[in-house]
């Protein structure tokens, strides 16, 4: 993990420790890299409950509750599936937050409609999810590193945003 990634992991750790909240991952194309980044900080067992690596649609459906119809209609690489993965991970693993990634890392598997390098990221709670689409193909390893770092930054920003809203409500 690069230096920037370690800084973000530590910041997420501090935010989750202080708030006593928990997080899980639901990863398709990233195959556990986001979970690995989260647990890079000692003491992660206090806030990281686990992850589901859902490389195939069957696992997305059976463990995360992603709709079969949605997967058939839109494919697994879409914003709606990423959102459903976050909500499903929060529910299945009973966490406050979840991070999801679904996409085509490459080098093959892309189509004209969904080219290699297309990765949907989602972060949030069972009720509030934000998304981001990564679209450039830099080769498999770099695509996965970019997606992992972006997902970690999104999680950090999301938690900070929630904590900021809580502070404003208490004022």
N, C-alpha and C. Protein backbone atom coordinates (compact mmCIF):
# COMPACT_ATOMS: atom_id res chain seq x y z
N UNK A 1 0.85 -1.18 0.00
CA UNK A 1 0.00 0.00 0.00
C UNK A 1 0.89 1.24 0.00
N UNK A 2 0.48 2.23 -0.78
CA UNK A 2 1.27 3.45 -0.87
C UNK A 2 1.08 4.32 0.37
N UNK A 3 1.91 5.32 0.49
CA UNK A 3 1.91 6.19 1.66
C UNK A 3 0.56 6.88 1.85
N UNK A 4 0.01 7.40 0.75
CA UNK A 4 -1.29 8.08 0.81
C UNK A 4 -2.38 7.12 1.31
N UNK A 5 -2.33 5.89 0.84
CA UNK A 5 -3.29 4.88 1.27
C UNK A 5 -3.20 4.61 2.76
N UNK A 6 -1.98 4.57 3.28
CA UNK A 6 -1.80 4.34 4.72
C UNK A 6 -2.35 5.50 5.55
N UNK A 7 -2.18 6.72 5.06
CA UNK A 7 -2.71 7.89 5.76
C UNK A 7 -4.24 7.82 5.81
N UNK A 8 -4.86 7.49 4.68
CA UNK A 8 -6.32 7.40 4.64
C UNK A 8 -6.82 6.27 5.55
N UNK A 9 -6.13 5.11 5.53
CA UNK A 9 -6.51 3.99 6.39
C UNK A 9 -6.46 4.39 7.86
N UNK A 10 -5.41 5.10 8.23
CA UNK A 10 -5.27 5.54 9.63
C UNK A 10 -6.37 6.53 9.98
N UNK A 11 -6.69 7.44 9.07
CA UNK A 11 -7.75 8.42 9.33
C UNK A 11 -9.10 7.73 9.50
N UNK A 12 -9.39 6.76 8.65
CA UNK A 12 -10.63 5.99 8.78
C UNK A 12 -10.65 5.27 10.12
N UNK A 13 -9.54 4.68 10.49
CA UNK A 13 -9.43 3.99 11.78
C UNK A 13 -9.77 4.93 12.94
N UNK A 14 -9.19 6.11 12.92
CA UNK A 14 -9.44 7.07 14.00
C UNK A 14 -10.90 7.49 14.04
N UNK A 15 -11.49 7.73 12.87
CA UNK A 15 -12.90 8.14 12.82
C UNK A 15 -13.82 7.05 13.36
N UNK A 16 -13.55 5.81 12.96
CA UNK A 16 -14.41 4.71 13.41
C UNK A 16 -14.20 4.39 14.88
N UNK A 17 -12.96 4.48 15.36
CA UNK A 17 -12.69 4.27 16.79
C UNK A 17 -13.48 5.29 17.62
N UNK A 18 -13.36 6.55 17.23
CA UNK A 18 -14.01 7.62 18.00
C UNK A 18 -15.52 7.51 17.99
N UNK A 19 -16.09 7.15 16.86
CA UNK A 19 -17.55 7.09 16.74
C UNK A 19 -18.12 5.74 17.19
N UNK A 20 -17.23 4.77 17.41
CA UNK A 20 -17.63 3.41 17.77
C UNK A 20 -18.60 2.82 16.75
N UNK A 21 -18.32 3.10 15.47
CA UNK A 21 -19.14 2.57 14.37
C UNK A 21 -18.35 1.48 13.65
N UNK A 22 -19.07 0.72 12.82
CA UNK A 22 -18.47 -0.43 12.15
C UNK A 22 -18.61 -0.32 10.63
N UNK A 23 -17.76 -1.07 9.93
CA UNK A 23 -17.76 -1.05 8.47
C UNK A 23 -17.57 -2.47 7.93
N UNK A 24 -18.08 -2.68 6.71
CA UNK A 24 -17.90 -3.94 6.00
C UNK A 24 -17.61 -3.60 4.54
N UNK A 25 -17.19 -4.61 3.80
CA UNK A 25 -16.97 -4.42 2.37
C UNK A 25 -17.76 -5.45 1.57
N UNK A 26 -18.11 -5.06 0.35
CA UNK A 26 -18.72 -5.95 -0.63
C UNK A 26 -17.96 -5.71 -1.92
N UNK A 27 -17.10 -6.64 -2.28
CA UNK A 27 -16.18 -6.39 -3.40
C UNK A 27 -16.32 -7.43 -4.49
N UNK A 28 -16.44 -6.94 -5.70
CA UNK A 28 -16.42 -7.81 -6.86
C UNK A 28 -15.04 -7.70 -7.50
N UNK A 29 -14.84 -6.75 -8.37
CA UNK A 29 -13.59 -6.67 -9.13
C UNK A 29 -12.36 -6.42 -8.26
N UNK A 30 -12.51 -5.78 -7.12
CA UNK A 30 -11.35 -5.49 -6.27
C UNK A 30 -10.94 -6.69 -5.42
N UNK A 31 -11.76 -7.69 -5.34
CA UNK A 31 -11.39 -8.97 -4.75
C UNK A 31 -10.81 -8.96 -3.35
N UNK A 32 -11.17 -8.02 -2.52
CA UNK A 32 -10.68 -7.97 -1.15
C UNK A 32 -9.63 -6.89 -0.89
N UNK A 33 -9.25 -6.16 -1.92
CA UNK A 33 -8.23 -5.12 -1.74
C UNK A 33 -8.69 -3.99 -0.81
N UNK A 34 -9.97 -3.65 -0.88
CA UNK A 34 -10.48 -2.58 -0.01
C UNK A 34 -10.46 -3.06 1.43
N UNK A 35 -10.89 -4.29 1.67
CA UNK A 35 -10.83 -4.85 3.02
C UNK A 35 -9.39 -4.86 3.52
N UNK A 36 -8.47 -5.24 2.66
CA UNK A 36 -7.06 -5.27 3.03
C UNK A 36 -6.57 -3.88 3.43
N UNK A 37 -7.02 -2.86 2.70
CA UNK A 37 -6.61 -1.49 3.03
C UNK A 37 -7.20 -1.05 4.37
N UNK A 38 -8.42 -1.46 4.65
CA UNK A 38 -9.04 -1.10 5.93
C UNK A 38 -8.32 -1.75 7.10
N UNK A 39 -7.94 -3.01 6.95
CA UNK A 39 -7.32 -3.72 8.07
C UNK A 39 -5.81 -3.50 8.17
N UNK A 40 -5.28 -2.62 7.34
CA UNK A 40 -3.84 -2.33 7.37
C UNK A 40 -3.42 -1.67 8.68
N UNK A 41 -4.39 -1.10 9.38
CA UNK A 41 -4.10 -0.41 10.64
C UNK A 41 -4.36 -1.36 11.81
N UNK A 42 -3.42 -1.49 12.73
CA UNK A 42 -3.64 -2.36 13.89
C UNK A 42 -4.90 -1.94 14.66
N UNK A 43 -5.64 -2.92 15.15
CA UNK A 43 -6.84 -2.64 15.91
C UNK A 43 -8.10 -2.58 15.07
N UNK A 44 -7.99 -2.91 13.79
CA UNK A 44 -9.14 -2.83 12.88
C UNK A 44 -10.27 -3.77 13.28
N UNK A 45 -9.97 -4.79 14.08
CA UNK A 45 -11.03 -5.72 14.48
C UNK A 45 -12.09 -5.04 15.34
N UNK A 46 -11.79 -3.86 15.86
CA UNK A 46 -12.78 -3.11 16.65
C UNK A 46 -13.89 -2.55 15.76
N UNK A 47 -13.58 -2.26 14.49
CA UNK A 47 -14.57 -1.61 13.62
C UNK A 47 -14.82 -2.30 12.28
N UNK A 48 -13.94 -3.21 11.86
CA UNK A 48 -14.15 -3.92 10.59
C UNK A 48 -14.75 -5.29 10.90
N UNK A 49 -16.00 -5.49 10.46
CA UNK A 49 -16.69 -6.75 10.76
C UNK A 49 -16.40 -7.85 9.73
N UNK A 50 -16.13 -7.47 8.50
CA UNK A 50 -15.84 -8.47 7.49
C UNK A 50 -16.16 -7.97 6.10
N UNK A 51 -15.94 -8.85 5.14
CA UNK A 51 -16.20 -8.50 3.77
C UNK A 51 -16.74 -9.68 3.00
N UNK A 52 -17.47 -9.36 1.96
CA UNK A 52 -17.99 -10.38 1.06
C UNK A 52 -17.36 -10.13 -0.30
N UNK A 53 -16.62 -11.12 -0.78
CA UNK A 53 -16.07 -11.03 -2.12
C UNK A 53 -17.07 -11.73 -3.03
N UNK A 54 -17.75 -10.93 -3.82
CA UNK A 54 -18.87 -11.41 -4.62
C UNK A 54 -18.53 -11.29 -6.10
N UNK A 55 -17.63 -12.13 -6.53
CA UNK A 55 -17.14 -12.07 -7.90
C UNK A 55 -18.19 -12.46 -8.92
N UNK A 56 -19.15 -13.28 -8.50
CA UNK A 56 -20.20 -13.74 -9.42
C UNK A 56 -21.56 -13.23 -8.96
N UNK A 57 -22.48 -13.12 -9.91
CA UNK A 57 -23.82 -12.60 -9.60
C UNK A 57 -24.55 -13.43 -8.57
N UNK A 58 -24.36 -14.74 -8.58
CA UNK A 58 -25.02 -15.62 -7.63
C UNK A 58 -24.74 -15.18 -6.18
N UNK A 59 -23.51 -14.80 -5.90
CA UNK A 59 -23.14 -14.37 -4.55
C UNK A 59 -23.74 -12.99 -4.26
N UNK A 60 -23.74 -12.11 -5.26
CA UNK A 60 -24.37 -10.80 -5.08
C UNK A 60 -25.84 -10.97 -4.71
N UNK A 61 -26.51 -11.88 -5.37
CA UNK A 61 -27.93 -12.13 -5.11
C UNK A 61 -28.14 -12.79 -3.75
N UNK A 62 -27.44 -13.91 -3.51
CA UNK A 62 -27.70 -14.74 -2.33
C UNK A 62 -27.19 -14.15 -1.01
N UNK A 63 -26.07 -13.48 -1.03
CA UNK A 63 -25.52 -12.94 0.22
C UNK A 63 -25.82 -11.46 0.43
N UNK A 64 -25.95 -10.71 -0.66
CA UNK A 64 -26.15 -9.27 -0.53
C UNK A 64 -27.57 -8.83 -0.89
N UNK A 65 -28.37 -9.73 -1.42
CA UNK A 65 -29.75 -9.38 -1.76
C UNK A 65 -29.90 -8.51 -2.98
N UNK A 66 -28.90 -8.51 -3.86
CA UNK A 66 -29.02 -7.75 -5.10
C UNK A 66 -30.05 -8.45 -5.98
N UNK A 67 -30.95 -7.70 -6.52
CA UNK A 67 -32.05 -8.24 -7.33
C UNK A 67 -31.55 -8.92 -8.61
N UNK A 68 -32.05 -10.13 -8.84
CA UNK A 68 -31.72 -10.87 -10.06
C UNK A 68 -32.15 -10.06 -11.29
N UNK A 69 -33.31 -9.44 -11.21
CA UNK A 69 -33.82 -8.65 -12.32
C UNK A 69 -32.90 -7.46 -12.62
N UNK A 70 -32.42 -6.82 -11.58
CA UNK A 70 -31.50 -5.69 -11.77
C UNK A 70 -30.23 -6.16 -12.48
N UNK A 71 -29.67 -7.27 -12.03
CA UNK A 71 -28.45 -7.80 -12.64
C UNK A 71 -28.69 -8.18 -14.10
N UNK A 72 -29.85 -8.75 -14.38
CA UNK A 72 -30.18 -9.13 -15.76
C UNK A 72 -30.37 -7.90 -16.64
N UNK A 73 -31.08 -6.91 -16.10
CA UNK A 73 -31.42 -5.72 -16.88
C UNK A 73 -30.22 -4.80 -17.10
N UNK A 74 -29.46 -4.54 -16.04
CA UNK A 74 -28.40 -3.52 -16.10
C UNK A 74 -26.98 -4.09 -16.12
N UNK A 75 -26.80 -5.35 -15.88
CA UNK A 75 -25.52 -6.04 -15.65
C UNK A 75 -25.00 -5.72 -14.25
N UNK A 76 -23.97 -6.42 -13.84
CA UNK A 76 -23.40 -6.21 -12.51
C UNK A 76 -22.61 -4.91 -12.42
N UNK A 77 -22.24 -4.35 -13.57
CA UNK A 77 -21.40 -3.15 -13.58
C UNK A 77 -22.28 -1.93 -13.82
N UNK A 78 -22.93 -1.49 -12.75
CA UNK A 78 -23.77 -0.30 -12.83
C UNK A 78 -23.90 0.31 -11.44
N UNK A 79 -24.32 1.54 -11.42
CA UNK A 79 -24.46 2.27 -10.17
C UNK A 79 -25.47 1.60 -9.24
N UNK A 80 -26.59 1.15 -9.78
CA UNK A 80 -27.64 0.56 -8.95
C UNK A 80 -27.16 -0.69 -8.23
N UNK A 81 -26.35 -1.50 -8.88
CA UNK A 81 -25.82 -2.70 -8.24
C UNK A 81 -24.84 -2.32 -7.14
N UNK A 82 -23.99 -1.34 -7.38
CA UNK A 82 -23.06 -0.89 -6.34
C UNK A 82 -23.82 -0.41 -5.11
N UNK A 83 -24.89 0.34 -5.31
CA UNK A 83 -25.72 0.83 -4.19
C UNK A 83 -26.34 -0.36 -3.45
N UNK A 84 -26.89 -1.31 -4.20
CA UNK A 84 -27.51 -2.48 -3.58
C UNK A 84 -26.49 -3.30 -2.79
N UNK A 85 -25.26 -3.35 -3.28
CA UNK A 85 -24.20 -4.07 -2.57
C UNK A 85 -23.89 -3.42 -1.23
N UNK A 86 -23.85 -2.09 -1.18
CA UNK A 86 -23.61 -1.39 0.09
C UNK A 86 -24.74 -1.70 1.07
N UNK A 87 -25.96 -1.54 0.61
CA UNK A 87 -27.12 -1.78 1.49
C UNK A 87 -27.15 -3.23 1.96
N UNK A 88 -26.85 -4.15 1.06
CA UNK A 88 -26.83 -5.56 1.41
C UNK A 88 -25.73 -5.90 2.40
N UNK A 89 -24.56 -5.30 2.24
CA UNK A 89 -23.45 -5.56 3.17
C UNK A 89 -23.77 -5.00 4.55
N UNK A 90 -24.36 -3.81 4.61
CA UNK A 90 -24.75 -3.25 5.92
C UNK A 90 -25.73 -4.18 6.63
N UNK A 91 -26.67 -4.71 5.87
CA UNK A 91 -27.69 -5.59 6.46
C UNK A 91 -27.10 -6.95 6.83
N UNK A 92 -26.44 -7.59 5.89
CA UNK A 92 -25.92 -8.94 6.11
C UNK A 92 -24.87 -8.99 7.21
N UNK A 93 -24.00 -8.00 7.24
CA UNK A 93 -22.91 -7.99 8.21
C UNK A 93 -23.20 -7.09 9.42
N UNK A 94 -24.39 -6.49 9.43
CA UNK A 94 -24.85 -5.68 10.56
C UNK A 94 -23.83 -4.59 10.92
N UNK A 95 -23.56 -3.72 9.94
CA UNK A 95 -22.61 -2.64 10.15
C UNK A 95 -23.27 -1.28 9.91
N UNK A 96 -22.62 -0.25 10.42
CA UNK A 96 -23.08 1.11 10.19
C UNK A 96 -22.78 1.55 8.76
N UNK A 97 -21.60 1.17 8.25
CA UNK A 97 -21.14 1.59 6.94
C UNK A 97 -20.73 0.38 6.10
N UNK A 98 -20.73 0.59 4.79
CA UNK A 98 -20.17 -0.42 3.89
C UNK A 98 -19.58 0.28 2.67
N UNK A 99 -18.66 -0.43 2.04
CA UNK A 99 -18.01 0.02 0.82
C UNK A 99 -18.20 -1.08 -0.22
N UNK A 100 -18.52 -0.70 -1.45
CA UNK A 100 -18.71 -1.70 -2.51
C UNK A 100 -17.97 -1.30 -3.77
N UNK A 101 -17.55 -2.32 -4.53
CA UNK A 101 -16.91 -2.10 -5.82
C UNK A 101 -17.38 -3.18 -6.79
N UNK A 102 -17.76 -2.75 -7.98
CA UNK A 102 -18.16 -3.69 -9.03
C UNK A 102 -17.71 -3.11 -10.37
N UNK A 103 -17.03 -3.92 -11.16
CA UNK A 103 -16.55 -3.38 -12.42
C UNK A 103 -15.76 -4.38 -13.22
N UNK A 104 -15.06 -3.86 -14.22
CA UNK A 104 -14.24 -4.68 -15.11
C UNK A 104 -12.82 -4.15 -15.05
N UNK A 105 -11.97 -4.86 -14.31
CA UNK A 105 -10.60 -4.41 -14.11
C UNK A 105 -9.70 -4.70 -15.30
N UNK A 106 -10.05 -5.71 -16.09
CA UNK A 106 -9.27 -6.05 -17.27
C UNK A 106 -8.34 -7.23 -17.04
N UNK A 107 -7.56 -7.60 -17.99
CA UNK A 107 -7.38 -6.91 -19.26
C UNK A 107 -8.49 -7.18 -20.27
N UNK A 108 -9.34 -8.18 -20.02
CA UNK A 108 -10.43 -8.47 -20.95
C UNK A 108 -11.76 -8.36 -20.22
N UNK A 109 -12.83 -8.65 -20.92
CA UNK A 109 -14.16 -8.65 -20.31
C UNK A 109 -15.00 -7.43 -20.62
N UNK A 110 -14.39 -6.42 -21.17
CA UNK A 110 -15.13 -5.20 -21.48
C UNK A 110 -15.96 -5.32 -22.75
N UNK A 111 -16.91 -4.42 -22.88
CA UNK A 111 -17.73 -4.32 -24.08
C UNK A 111 -17.71 -2.87 -24.54
N UNK A 112 -18.35 -2.60 -25.66
CA UNK A 112 -18.44 -1.22 -26.13
C UNK A 112 -19.19 -0.37 -25.13
N UNK A 113 -20.25 -0.93 -24.56
CA UNK A 113 -21.07 -0.19 -23.58
C UNK A 113 -20.37 -0.05 -22.23
N UNK A 114 -19.66 -1.11 -21.82
CA UNK A 114 -18.96 -1.11 -20.53
C UNK A 114 -17.52 -1.53 -20.78
N UNK A 115 -16.65 -0.57 -21.11
CA UNK A 115 -15.26 -0.92 -21.44
C UNK A 115 -14.44 -1.29 -20.20
N UNK A 116 -13.35 -1.99 -20.45
CA UNK A 116 -12.40 -2.31 -19.39
C UNK A 116 -12.00 -1.02 -18.68
N UNK A 117 -11.90 -1.07 -17.37
CA UNK A 117 -11.56 0.10 -16.57
C UNK A 117 -12.78 0.76 -15.95
N UNK A 118 -13.99 0.31 -16.34
CA UNK A 118 -15.21 0.84 -15.75
C UNK A 118 -15.45 0.17 -14.41
N UNK A 119 -15.42 0.94 -13.34
CA UNK A 119 -15.64 0.41 -12.00
C UNK A 119 -16.56 1.37 -11.25
N UNK A 120 -17.65 0.81 -10.72
CA UNK A 120 -18.56 1.59 -9.88
C UNK A 120 -18.20 1.36 -8.43
N UNK A 121 -18.03 2.45 -7.70
CA UNK A 121 -17.75 2.41 -6.26
C UNK A 121 -18.93 3.01 -5.53
N UNK A 122 -19.24 2.47 -4.36
CA UNK A 122 -20.31 3.01 -3.53
C UNK A 122 -19.90 2.90 -2.07
N UNK A 123 -20.32 3.88 -1.30
CA UNK A 123 -20.02 3.95 0.12
C UNK A 123 -21.26 4.50 0.81
N UNK A 124 -21.54 3.97 2.00
CA UNK A 124 -22.65 4.55 2.73
C UNK A 124 -23.19 3.69 3.83
N UNK A 125 -24.46 3.97 4.14
CA UNK A 125 -25.20 3.26 5.16
C UNK A 125 -26.37 2.54 4.49
N UNK A 126 -27.17 1.87 5.28
CA UNK A 126 -28.34 1.20 4.72
C UNK A 126 -29.33 2.19 4.12
N UNK A 127 -29.26 3.46 4.53
CA UNK A 127 -30.22 4.47 4.08
C UNK A 127 -29.64 5.57 3.19
N UNK A 128 -28.33 5.68 3.12
CA UNK A 128 -27.70 6.79 2.41
C UNK A 128 -26.42 6.31 1.74
N UNK A 129 -26.40 6.31 0.42
CA UNK A 129 -25.26 5.79 -0.33
C UNK A 129 -24.80 6.82 -1.36
N UNK A 130 -23.50 7.00 -1.47
CA UNK A 130 -22.92 7.85 -2.50
C UNK A 130 -22.11 6.96 -3.45
N UNK A 131 -22.02 7.37 -4.71
CA UNK A 131 -21.35 6.55 -5.71
C UNK A 131 -20.33 7.36 -6.51
N UNK A 132 -19.48 6.62 -7.19
CA UNK A 132 -18.48 7.22 -8.07
C UNK A 132 -18.16 6.20 -9.16
N UNK A 133 -18.00 6.69 -10.37
CA UNK A 133 -17.65 5.83 -11.49
C UNK A 133 -16.22 6.12 -11.93
N UNK A 134 -15.40 5.08 -11.94
CA UNK A 134 -14.03 5.17 -12.44
C UNK A 134 -14.07 4.63 -13.86
N UNK A 135 -13.48 5.36 -14.81
CA UNK A 135 -13.68 4.95 -16.21
C UNK A 135 -12.44 4.73 -17.05
N UNK A 136 -11.28 5.06 -16.60
CA UNK A 136 -10.11 4.94 -17.46
C UNK A 136 -9.40 3.61 -17.26
N UNK A 137 -8.90 3.05 -18.35
CA UNK A 137 -8.16 1.80 -18.30
C UNK A 137 -6.67 2.08 -18.30
N UNK A 138 -6.03 1.73 -17.19
CA UNK A 138 -4.57 1.90 -17.06
C UNK A 138 -3.89 0.55 -16.89
N UNK A 139 -4.60 -0.53 -17.20
CA UNK A 139 -4.09 -1.87 -16.95
C UNK A 139 -4.64 -2.37 -15.62
N UNK A 140 -4.81 -3.66 -15.50
CA UNK A 140 -5.49 -4.28 -14.37
C UNK A 140 -4.96 -3.81 -13.00
N UNK A 141 -3.68 -3.92 -12.77
CA UNK A 141 -3.13 -3.58 -11.45
C UNK A 141 -3.40 -2.13 -11.08
N UNK A 142 -3.18 -1.23 -12.01
CA UNK A 142 -3.39 0.19 -11.72
C UNK A 142 -4.89 0.49 -11.59
N UNK A 143 -5.73 -0.14 -12.42
CA UNK A 143 -7.18 0.04 -12.29
C UNK A 143 -7.64 -0.33 -10.88
N UNK A 144 -7.15 -1.46 -10.37
CA UNK A 144 -7.54 -1.93 -9.04
C UNK A 144 -6.99 -1.02 -7.94
N UNK A 145 -5.77 -0.53 -8.12
CA UNK A 145 -5.18 0.37 -7.13
C UNK A 145 -5.96 1.69 -7.09
N UNK A 146 -6.30 2.22 -8.25
CA UNK A 146 -7.07 3.46 -8.31
C UNK A 146 -8.43 3.27 -7.63
N UNK A 147 -9.12 2.17 -7.95
CA UNK A 147 -10.44 1.91 -7.36
C UNK A 147 -10.34 1.77 -5.85
N UNK A 148 -9.34 1.06 -5.37
CA UNK A 148 -9.17 0.87 -3.93
C UNK A 148 -8.92 2.19 -3.22
N UNK A 149 -7.99 2.98 -3.74
CA UNK A 149 -7.67 4.27 -3.12
C UNK A 149 -8.87 5.21 -3.16
N UNK A 150 -9.59 5.23 -4.27
CA UNK A 150 -10.77 6.09 -4.40
C UNK A 150 -11.85 5.65 -3.42
N UNK A 151 -12.06 4.35 -3.28
CA UNK A 151 -13.07 3.84 -2.34
C UNK A 151 -12.72 4.21 -0.91
N UNK A 152 -11.45 4.12 -0.56
CA UNK A 152 -11.02 4.47 0.80
C UNK A 152 -11.22 5.97 1.05
N UNK A 153 -10.90 6.80 0.07
CA UNK A 153 -11.10 8.25 0.22
C UNK A 153 -12.59 8.56 0.35
N UNK A 154 -13.41 7.87 -0.43
CA UNK A 154 -14.87 8.07 -0.35
C UNK A 154 -15.38 7.70 1.04
N UNK A 155 -14.90 6.57 1.59
CA UNK A 155 -15.33 6.15 2.93
C UNK A 155 -14.93 7.20 3.96
N UNK A 156 -13.72 7.67 3.89
CA UNK A 156 -13.23 8.68 4.82
C UNK A 156 -14.08 9.95 4.74
N UNK A 157 -14.32 10.41 3.54
CA UNK A 157 -15.12 11.63 3.34
C UNK A 157 -16.56 11.43 3.82
N UNK A 158 -17.11 10.25 3.57
CA UNK A 158 -18.49 9.98 3.98
C UNK A 158 -18.61 10.01 5.50
N UNK A 159 -17.70 9.35 6.18
CA UNK A 159 -17.74 9.32 7.66
C UNK A 159 -17.56 10.73 8.20
N UNK A 160 -16.61 11.49 7.66
CA UNK A 160 -16.39 12.87 8.10
C UNK A 160 -17.67 13.69 7.89
N UNK A 161 -18.33 13.52 6.76
CA UNK A 161 -19.56 14.24 6.46
C UNK A 161 -20.65 13.91 7.46
N UNK A 162 -20.78 12.65 7.81
CA UNK A 162 -21.79 12.24 8.80
C UNK A 162 -21.46 12.83 10.17
N UNK A 163 -20.19 12.78 10.54
CA UNK A 163 -19.79 13.33 11.84
C UNK A 163 -20.01 14.84 11.87
N UNK A 164 -19.74 15.51 10.75
CA UNK A 164 -19.97 16.95 10.66
C UNK A 164 -21.44 17.31 10.80
N UNK A 165 -22.30 16.52 10.18
CA UNK A 165 -23.74 16.76 10.30
C UNK A 165 -24.20 16.56 11.74
N UNK A 166 -23.65 15.54 12.40
CA UNK A 166 -24.02 15.27 13.78
C UNK A 166 -23.63 16.44 14.69
N UNK A 167 -22.43 16.97 14.47
CA UNK A 167 -21.96 18.11 15.26
C UNK A 167 -22.85 19.33 15.04
N UNK A 168 -23.27 19.56 13.78
CA UNK A 168 -24.12 20.71 13.47
C UNK A 168 -25.48 20.57 14.15
N UNK A 169 -26.00 19.35 14.20
CA UNK A 169 -27.30 19.12 14.84
C UNK A 169 -27.22 19.32 16.35
N UNK A 170 -26.07 19.01 16.92
CA UNK A 170 -25.90 19.14 18.37
C UNK A 170 -25.67 20.60 18.78
N UNK A 171 -25.27 21.45 17.86
CA UNK A 171 -24.98 22.86 18.18
C UNK A 171 -26.25 23.65 18.37
